[in-house]
Protein backbone atom coordinates (compact mmCIF):
# COMPACT_ATOMS: atom_id res chain seq x y z
CA MET A 1 97.59 118.99 96.43
CA PRO A 2 96.38 120.05 99.90
CA LYS A 3 97.41 117.62 102.62
CA PRO A 4 94.59 115.70 104.35
CA ALA A 5 93.55 117.47 107.53
CA THR A 6 93.70 114.82 110.23
CA THR A 7 91.87 116.95 112.79
CA SER A 8 89.28 118.67 110.59
CA SER A 9 86.39 117.07 112.42
CA ALA A 10 87.59 117.96 115.92
CA PRO A 11 85.47 121.12 116.35
CA ARG A 12 82.29 119.12 115.71
CA GLN A 13 83.13 116.39 118.20
CA ALA A 14 80.53 116.07 120.96
CA PRO A 15 81.55 115.59 124.61
CA GLY A 16 82.19 111.95 125.34
CA ALA A 17 82.52 111.07 121.67
CA PRO A 18 85.33 108.72 120.58
CA ALA A 19 88.76 110.24 120.08
CA PRO A 20 89.62 111.45 116.56
CA ARG A 21 90.81 108.77 114.18
CA ARG A 22 94.53 108.22 113.97
CA ALA A 23 96.77 110.30 111.75
CA ARG A 24 97.64 108.52 108.53
CA ARG A 25 100.95 106.69 108.32
CA PRO A 26 103.14 107.13 105.26
CA VAL A 27 101.90 104.94 102.43
CA ALA A 28 103.78 101.64 102.08
CA TYR A 29 103.92 100.33 98.50
CA VAL A 30 103.84 96.60 97.72
CA ASP A 31 103.75 94.55 94.52
CA SER A 32 100.64 92.87 93.18
CA LEU A 33 100.82 89.93 95.56
CA THR A 34 102.02 87.00 93.40
CA PRO A 35 99.10 86.68 90.95
CA HIS A 36 101.15 84.24 88.84
CA LEU A 37 100.75 81.65 91.62
CA PHE A 38 96.93 81.74 91.42
CA VAL A 39 96.17 81.73 87.69
CA PRO A 40 92.59 80.55 87.03
CA THR A 41 92.09 77.96 84.29
CA ALA A 42 89.24 76.01 82.71
CA GLN A 43 90.09 73.19 85.13
CA ARG A 44 90.25 75.50 88.18
CA PRO A 45 88.06 78.44 87.09
CA VAL A 46 88.09 80.34 90.39
CA ARG A 47 91.24 80.82 92.46
CA ALA A 48 91.44 82.53 95.82
CA LYS A 49 94.20 84.09 97.88
CA VAL A 50 94.31 85.89 101.20
CA ARG A 51 96.69 88.40 102.72
CA GLN A 52 96.75 90.55 105.83
CA LEU A 53 97.69 94.14 105.01
CA ARG A 54 98.13 97.13 107.28
CA ALA A 55 96.34 100.43 106.85
CA ASP A 56 97.91 102.80 104.32
CA THR A 57 99.44 99.92 102.33
CA ARG A 58 99.04 100.46 98.58
CA VAL A 59 99.21 97.66 96.05
CA MET A 60 100.88 99.13 92.97
CA PRO A 61 98.83 99.56 89.76
CA HIS A 62 98.57 96.33 87.78
CA SER A 63 96.19 94.34 85.59
CA HIS A 64 95.36 90.70 84.85
CA PRO A 65 94.07 88.87 81.76
CA TRP A 66 91.38 87.35 83.99
CA ALA A 67 88.54 88.89 86.03
CA GLN A 68 88.89 89.61 89.73
CA VAL A 69 86.75 90.16 92.80
CA ALA A 70 88.19 92.09 95.74
CA ILE A 71 86.59 91.58 99.12
CA SER A 72 87.82 92.27 102.64
CA THR A 73 86.85 89.94 105.46
CA THR A 74 87.78 92.67 107.92
CA GLY A 75 88.64 96.33 107.34
CA VAL A 76 88.02 98.72 104.44
CA ILE A 77 89.88 98.81 101.12
CA GLN A 78 89.88 101.41 98.36
CA LEU A 79 90.33 100.39 94.74
CA THR A 80 91.23 102.96 92.09
CA VAL A 81 91.08 102.61 88.32
CA ASP A 82 91.85 105.19 85.64
CA ARG A 83 88.46 106.90 85.77
CA GLY A 84 87.09 106.04 89.21
CA THR A 85 87.64 104.97 92.80
CA TYR A 86 85.61 102.61 95.00
CA ILE A 87 85.38 102.10 98.77
CA VAL A 88 84.86 98.43 99.66
CA PRO A 89 83.86 97.52 103.26
CA PRO A 90 83.24 93.90 104.33
CA SER A 91 79.56 94.19 103.32
CA ARG A 92 80.50 94.78 99.67
CA ALA A 93 82.50 93.07 96.92
CA LEU A 94 84.07 94.69 93.87
CA TRP A 95 84.12 93.06 90.44
CA ILE A 96 87.06 94.07 88.19
CA PRO A 97 86.85 92.97 84.54
CA PRO A 98 89.82 91.42 82.71
CA GLY A 99 92.58 93.76 81.59
CA MET A 100 91.58 96.76 83.71
CA GLU A 101 94.54 98.36 85.49
CA HIS A 102 93.84 99.00 89.17
CA ALA A 103 95.54 99.88 92.44
CA VAL A 104 94.36 98.92 95.92
CA THR A 105 94.86 100.93 99.12
CA MET A 106 94.09 99.68 102.63
CA VAL A 107 91.97 102.32 104.38
CA GLU A 108 92.17 100.22 107.56
CA ASP A 109 94.06 97.11 108.59
CA ALA A 110 92.37 94.49 106.43
CA GLU A 111 92.26 90.83 105.61
CA MET A 112 92.00 91.05 101.84
CA ARG A 113 90.55 88.17 99.89
CA THR A 114 91.19 88.17 96.14
CA LEU A 115 89.29 85.93 93.74
CA TYR A 116 90.49 85.34 90.17
CA PHE A 117 87.98 84.16 87.55
CA HIS A 118 88.73 82.33 84.33
CA GLN A 119 86.78 84.05 81.52
CA PRO A 120 86.22 82.03 78.33
CA ARG A 121 86.99 83.96 75.15
CA GLY A 122 84.25 86.42 74.30
CA ARG A 123 82.47 86.02 77.65
CA CYS A 124 82.51 88.18 80.78
CA GLY A 125 80.93 87.87 84.19
CA PRO A 126 80.51 85.18 86.88
CA ALA A 127 77.85 83.41 84.77
CA ALA A 128 80.35 83.14 81.88
CA LEU A 129 81.72 79.95 83.39
CA GLY A 130 78.40 78.17 82.81
CA GLU A 131 77.39 76.37 79.65
CA ARG A 132 74.73 78.96 78.80
CA THR A 133 75.56 82.65 78.90
CA ALA A 134 73.23 85.42 77.82
CA PRO A 135 75.32 87.86 75.74
CA HIS A 136 73.06 90.81 76.61
CA GLY A 137 73.75 90.23 80.31
CA GLN A 138 77.52 90.54 79.94
CA ALA A 139 77.79 94.29 79.22
CA ALA A 140 77.47 95.33 82.86
CA TRP A 141 80.30 92.98 83.83
CA ARG A 142 82.75 94.63 81.43
CA GLN A 143 83.16 97.49 83.91
CA CYS A 144 83.81 97.69 87.65
CA ARG A 145 80.77 96.83 89.76
CA VAL A 146 80.22 97.19 93.52
CA LEU A 147 78.01 94.35 94.75
CA GLU A 148 76.24 93.46 97.97
CA ALA A 149 78.15 90.66 99.68
CA SER A 150 75.65 88.29 101.29
CA ASP A 151 76.47 86.26 104.38
CA LEU A 152 76.60 83.17 102.16
CA LEU A 153 78.97 84.84 99.70
CA ARG A 154 81.36 85.86 102.46
CA ALA A 155 81.21 82.39 104.01
CA VAL A 156 82.01 80.70 100.68
CA VAL A 157 84.91 83.10 100.06
CA ARG A 158 86.41 82.16 103.42
CA GLU A 159 86.14 78.44 102.57
CA MET A 160 87.90 78.69 99.19
CA PRO A 161 91.36 77.04 99.15
CA THR A 162 94.17 79.61 99.12
CA THR A 163 97.23 77.41 98.57
CA PRO A 164 99.46 78.88 95.80
CA ASP A 165 100.71 76.85 92.87
CA ASP A 166 104.19 76.60 94.39
CA GLY A 167 102.69 74.86 97.45
CA PRO A 168 101.62 71.23 97.92
CA PRO A 169 99.44 70.12 94.96
CA PRO A 170 95.75 69.71 95.87
CA ASN A 171 94.35 66.19 96.03
CA ALA A 172 91.23 65.07 94.17
CA ALA A 173 88.91 65.73 97.12
CA THR A 174 90.21 69.29 97.52
CA LEU A 175 89.79 70.01 93.81
CA LEU A 176 86.24 68.64 93.82
CA ARG A 177 85.31 70.78 96.82
CA GLU A 178 86.88 73.83 95.18
CA ARG A 179 84.74 73.30 92.07
CA HIS A 180 81.56 73.02 94.17
CA LEU A 181 82.46 76.19 96.10
CA SER A 182 83.37 77.99 92.86
CA ALA A 183 79.99 77.20 91.31
CA LEU A 184 78.15 78.46 94.40
CA LEU A 185 80.36 81.55 94.49
CA CYS A 186 79.61 82.41 90.86
CA ASP A 187 75.89 81.93 91.45
CA GLU A 188 75.92 84.26 94.46
CA LEU A 189 77.85 86.91 92.54
CA ALA A 190 75.45 86.72 89.60
CA ARG A 191 72.54 87.22 92.01
CA ALA A 192 74.20 90.01 94.04
CA ALA A 193 72.55 93.41 93.86
CA PRO A 194 74.73 96.19 92.44
CA VAL A 195 75.33 99.19 94.71
CA LYS A 196 75.67 102.80 93.55
CA LEU A 197 78.99 103.24 95.28
CA GLY A 198 81.78 104.61 93.15
CA VAL A 199 83.34 107.98 92.50
CA ASP A 200 84.22 108.95 88.92
CA LEU A 201 87.61 110.58 88.36
CA PRO A 202 88.64 112.93 85.52
CA HIS A 203 91.61 112.92 83.14
CA ASP A 204 92.21 116.70 83.31
CA LYS A 205 95.14 117.27 85.68
CA ARG A 206 93.68 120.39 87.30
CA LEU A 207 90.36 118.75 88.03
CA ARG A 208 92.05 115.50 89.08
CA GLN A 209 94.04 117.44 91.69
CA LEU A 210 90.85 118.99 93.04
CA CYS A 211 89.00 115.68 93.08
CA GLU A 212 91.79 113.86 94.91
CA ALA A 213 91.87 116.64 97.52
CA VAL A 214 88.11 116.23 98.07
CA LEU A 215 88.54 112.46 98.39
CA ALA A 216 91.23 112.99 101.03
CA ASP A 217 89.09 115.36 103.11
CA PRO A 218 85.57 115.99 101.74
CA THR A 219 84.61 118.35 104.58
CA ARG A 220 87.54 120.73 104.13
CA HIS A 221 85.31 123.03 102.04
CA THR A 222 81.63 122.89 101.11
CA THR A 223 81.58 125.11 98.01
CA LEU A 224 83.22 124.64 94.63
CA GLU A 225 84.51 128.21 94.78
CA ALA A 226 86.59 127.41 97.87
CA TRP A 227 87.98 124.22 96.29
CA ALA A 228 88.77 126.08 93.06
CA GLN A 229 90.86 128.62 94.98
CA ASP A 230 93.07 125.77 96.22
CA THR A 231 93.86 124.75 92.63
CA GLY A 232 94.38 128.24 91.23
CA ALA A 233 91.72 127.68 88.55
CA SER A 234 88.71 129.92 88.12
CA LEU A 235 85.29 128.85 89.38
CA ARG A 236 83.91 128.96 85.84
CA THR A 237 86.72 126.75 84.51
CA VAL A 238 86.31 124.13 87.23
CA ALA A 239 82.52 124.05 86.89
CA ARG A 240 82.89 123.55 83.13
CA LEU A 241 85.39 120.73 83.66
CA PHE A 242 82.99 118.91 85.99
CA ARG A 243 80.32 119.01 83.29
CA THR A 244 82.57 117.97 80.41
CA GLU A 245 84.81 115.45 82.22
CA LEU A 246 82.38 113.89 84.71
CA GLY A 247 78.97 114.77 83.35
CA SER A 248 77.76 116.14 86.68
CA THR A 249 77.83 119.18 88.90
CA PHE A 250 80.33 119.47 91.72
CA THR A 251 77.53 119.06 94.26
CA GLN A 252 76.39 115.79 92.68
CA TRP A 253 79.94 114.47 92.46
CA ARG A 254 80.82 115.44 96.05
CA GLN A 255 77.69 113.67 97.23
CA GLN A 256 79.11 110.40 95.89
CA VAL A 257 82.32 111.10 97.82
CA ILE A 258 80.28 111.66 100.98
CA LEU A 259 78.44 108.37 100.48
CA ALA A 260 81.71 106.49 99.99
CA LYS A 261 83.18 108.14 103.10
CA ALA A 262 80.06 107.23 105.08
CA VAL A 263 80.47 103.57 104.10
CA SER A 264 84.08 103.65 105.30
CA LEU A 265 83.07 105.17 108.66
CA ALA A 266 80.20 102.70 109.08
CA ALA A 267 82.62 99.78 108.68
CA GLY A 268 84.17 100.91 111.97
CA ARG A 269 80.74 100.59 113.65
CA MET A 270 80.28 104.35 113.98
CA PRO A 271 76.58 105.17 114.62
CA VAL A 272 74.64 106.78 111.76
CA GLY A 273 74.07 109.98 113.73
CA GLN A 274 77.78 110.39 114.39
CA ILE A 275 78.59 109.66 110.74
CA ALA A 276 76.21 112.45 109.72
CA THR A 277 77.91 114.90 112.09
CA GLU A 278 81.36 113.79 110.96
CA LEU A 279 80.40 114.60 107.38
CA GLY A 280 78.86 117.98 108.15
CA TYR A 281 75.17 116.97 108.08
CA SER A 282 72.37 116.94 110.60
CA PRO A 283 70.97 113.40 111.05
CA SER A 284 67.74 114.32 109.25
CA ALA A 285 69.55 116.00 106.33
CA PHE A 286 71.91 113.04 106.02
CA SER A 287 69.00 110.60 106.00
CA ALA A 288 67.22 112.60 103.30
CA MET A 289 70.38 112.76 101.16
CA VAL A 290 71.02 109.00 101.39
CA ARG A 291 67.40 108.10 100.62
CA LYS A 292 67.36 110.41 97.60
CA SER A 293 70.71 109.14 96.31
CA VAL A 294 70.37 105.37 96.74
CA GLY A 295 66.72 104.77 97.58
CA GLN A 296 67.51 103.22 100.96
CA PRO A 297 67.53 104.46 104.56
CA PRO A 298 71.05 105.12 105.90
CA ALA A 299 71.13 102.10 108.23
CA GLN A 300 70.31 99.72 105.37
CA PHE A 301 72.71 101.34 102.90
CA LEU A 302 75.53 101.36 105.45
CA GLY A 303 74.99 97.73 106.44
CA GLN A 304 73.79 98.56 109.98
CA ARG A 305 70.47 96.73 109.83
């Protein structure tokens, strides 16, 4: 796989612009952060934990029998499942259904908040904890979903108790407050608008290699022919694999990568115009692409209202 080019954007840098972003450190691998100490139950249906992690830390692939929401209070995280990857800045939250194997990588230094949700048998989603659950509304929650994280949602997440089960047992007042916060948290998640922010990944090894190279540095090449040369596969073969494995053209798929990269850059408070330049667009072309893709102006989509 081609190595990420840490200085690929340097030629486009305008005078007086910020210095190029740091070179990536070697990835540090850690275990799945003691999930057995935060198991959700019918009595405590939502459990929360928090951990500070440095950039380029990767939580090894793992799964849980319960649902999970990943949200960063600060910094950007990337979550990867078998057939997709998601960029999650502080303005977003990611729902992960029970049993889905996933790995998490810190794109930046991040305070990662993890929420575990008890899911009654046969039910799925934040509303599943209520007495009445509409079965037809559960299908969307059986897959990963990127959601808008409202100010209220983020505030409630920060207030959730994070003491593990091997710590001091919670008193009655703490448990009652946790249940109130959990109910509000589930209501906010159920109301949260889904965001078209995810990048599908293929099973085919040749195409997977190409896709991971694009994810590492989406501006390295602009044409599929150039990317295909890096893998040694023919243009026709790679184009066919995009259609059969991902159900899209390369241009459509790369556009999703660009959107995810833009979200990551925006989390560092980079102006929209500079993000466009960084990603090889003029500001007007970038605005048109974002509006066409997600139906929102760039500032709104990138959380820079």
